[in-house]
């Protein structure tokens, strides 16, 4: 009988932590993985490079609010949610302890 092989450990790229803030990158990653899309396909839909999408998903690059709104439109998602997350990241990166809460006019 051949020796039994254990299955390789499967790790998520972004482990879910209840205390981790939701970011636009984490949201894009969740949408992409939930729909079973490659980074190449998703970046093409968003009209950005695959490297740029990777940097956004990993939190190495931020997204301007106007671009976040465009991403939401392309993906058929809430513009308010995407813009709010983009603005929250700007506020957080400035070290300000404020919570962004958007409401449509």
Protein backbone atom coordinates (compact mmCIF):
# COMPACT_ATOMS: atom_id res chain seq x y z
CA UNK A 1 0.00 0.00 0.00
CA UNK A 2 1.47 3.41 -0.96
CA UNK A 3 2.12 5.86 1.85
CA UNK A 4 -0.80 8.19 2.44
CA UNK A 5 -0.35 11.72 1.32
CA UNK A 6 -1.86 14.53 3.24
CA UNK A 7 -3.64 17.20 1.32
CA UNK A 8 -1.76 20.45 0.92
CA UNK A 9 -2.90 23.23 3.17
CA UNK A 10 -5.19 25.66 1.38
CA UNK A 11 -4.74 29.25 2.46
CA UNK A 12 -6.87 32.21 1.53
CA UNK A 13 -5.09 35.23 0.12
CA UNK A 14 -6.95 37.47 2.54
CA UNK A 15 -7.95 35.63 5.71
CA UNK A 16 -11.24 36.83 7.14
CA UNK A 17 -10.73 38.62 10.44
CA UNK A 18 -13.73 40.04 12.22
CA UNK A 19 -11.67 43.01 13.42
CA UNK A 20 -10.17 43.80 10.00
CA UNK A 21 -11.62 46.88 8.31
CA UNK A 22 -13.38 46.35 5.01
CA UNK A 23 -11.38 47.93 2.22
CA UNK A 24 -12.13 48.47 -1.43
CA UNK A 25 -9.34 46.01 -2.23
CA UNK A 26 -10.86 43.34 0.00
CA UNK A 27 -14.25 43.99 -1.59
CA UNK A 28 -12.85 43.67 -5.12
CA UNK A 29 -11.07 40.46 -4.14
CA UNK A 30 -14.24 39.01 -2.63
CA UNK A 31 -16.28 39.90 -5.73
CA UNK A 32 -13.62 38.50 -8.07
CA UNK A 33 -13.20 35.25 -6.17
CA UNK A 34 -16.94 34.91 -5.57
CA UNK A 35 -17.57 35.13 -9.30
CA UNK A 36 -14.63 32.85 -10.08
CA UNK A 37 -12.82 35.48 -12.16
CA UNK A 38 -9.11 35.72 -12.81
CA UNK A 39 -7.19 38.88 -12.05
CA UNK A 40 -6.56 39.27 -15.77
CA UNK A 41 -10.28 39.16 -16.60
CA UNK A 42 -11.29 41.42 -13.72
CA UNK A 43 -8.59 43.98 -14.48
CA UNK A 44 -9.69 44.03 -18.11
CA UNK A 45 -13.29 44.73 -17.02
CA UNK A 46 -12.08 47.55 -14.76
CA UNK A 47 -9.74 48.91 -17.47
CA UNK A 48 -6.66 48.72 -15.24
CA UNK A 49 -3.55 46.54 -15.36
CA UNK A 50 -3.45 43.20 -13.59
CA UNK A 51 -0.56 44.49 -11.47
CA UNK A 52 -2.64 47.51 -10.43
CA UNK A 53 -5.56 45.27 -9.46
CA UNK A 54 -3.20 43.06 -7.46
CA UNK A 55 -1.82 46.12 -5.64
CA UNK A 56 -5.35 47.34 -4.86
CA UNK A 57 -6.45 43.92 -3.59
CA UNK A 58 -3.35 43.68 -1.37
CA UNK A 59 -3.84 47.21 -0.01
CA UNK A 60 -0.65 48.56 -1.57
CA UNK A 61 -2.53 51.12 -3.70
CA UNK A 62 -5.59 53.19 -2.95
CA UNK A 63 -8.44 54.05 -5.29
CA UNK A 64 -9.67 57.58 -5.91
CA UNK A 65 -13.38 58.08 -5.14
CA UNK A 66 -14.25 58.85 -8.79
CA UNK A 67 -12.51 55.67 -9.95
CA UNK A 68 -14.25 53.70 -7.19
CA UNK A 69 -17.60 54.92 -8.57
CA UNK A 70 -16.57 53.75 -12.06
CA UNK A 71 -15.60 50.34 -10.69
CA UNK A 72 -19.00 50.04 -9.01
CA UNK A 73 -20.83 50.89 -12.24
CA UNK A 74 -18.82 48.38 -14.27
CA UNK A 75 -19.44 45.65 -11.69
CA UNK A 76 -23.11 46.53 -11.16
CA UNK A 77 -22.55 47.29 -7.49
CA UNK A 78 -23.36 50.13 -5.11
CA UNK A 79 -21.53 53.33 -6.01
CA UNK A 80 -22.17 54.61 -2.51
CA UNK A 81 -20.43 51.62 -0.93
CA UNK A 82 -17.41 51.80 -3.24
CA UNK A 83 -16.97 55.56 -2.84
CA UNK A 84 -17.42 55.32 0.92
CA UNK A 85 -14.71 52.67 1.16
CA UNK A 86 -12.35 54.72 -1.02
CA UNK A 87 -12.90 57.82 1.13
CA UNK A 88 -12.51 55.82 4.35
CA UNK A 89 -9.13 54.55 3.18
CA UNK A 90 -8.01 58.14 2.49
CA UNK A 91 -9.14 59.23 5.96
CA UNK A 92 -7.50 56.21 7.62
CA UNK A 93 -4.21 56.65 5.76
CA UNK A 94 -4.09 60.27 6.99
CA UNK A 95 -4.24 58.95 10.55
CA UNK A 96 -7.58 60.60 11.20
CA UNK A 97 -9.96 58.86 13.53
CA UNK A 98 -13.19 59.59 11.67
CA UNK A 99 -15.77 57.30 10.16
CA UNK A 100 -16.99 58.15 6.66
CA UNK A 101 -20.75 57.86 6.23
CA UNK A 102 -22.13 58.84 2.82
CA UNK A 103 -25.72 59.61 2.01
CA UNK A 104 -27.00 60.40 -1.47
CA UNK A 105 -28.19 63.95 -2.10
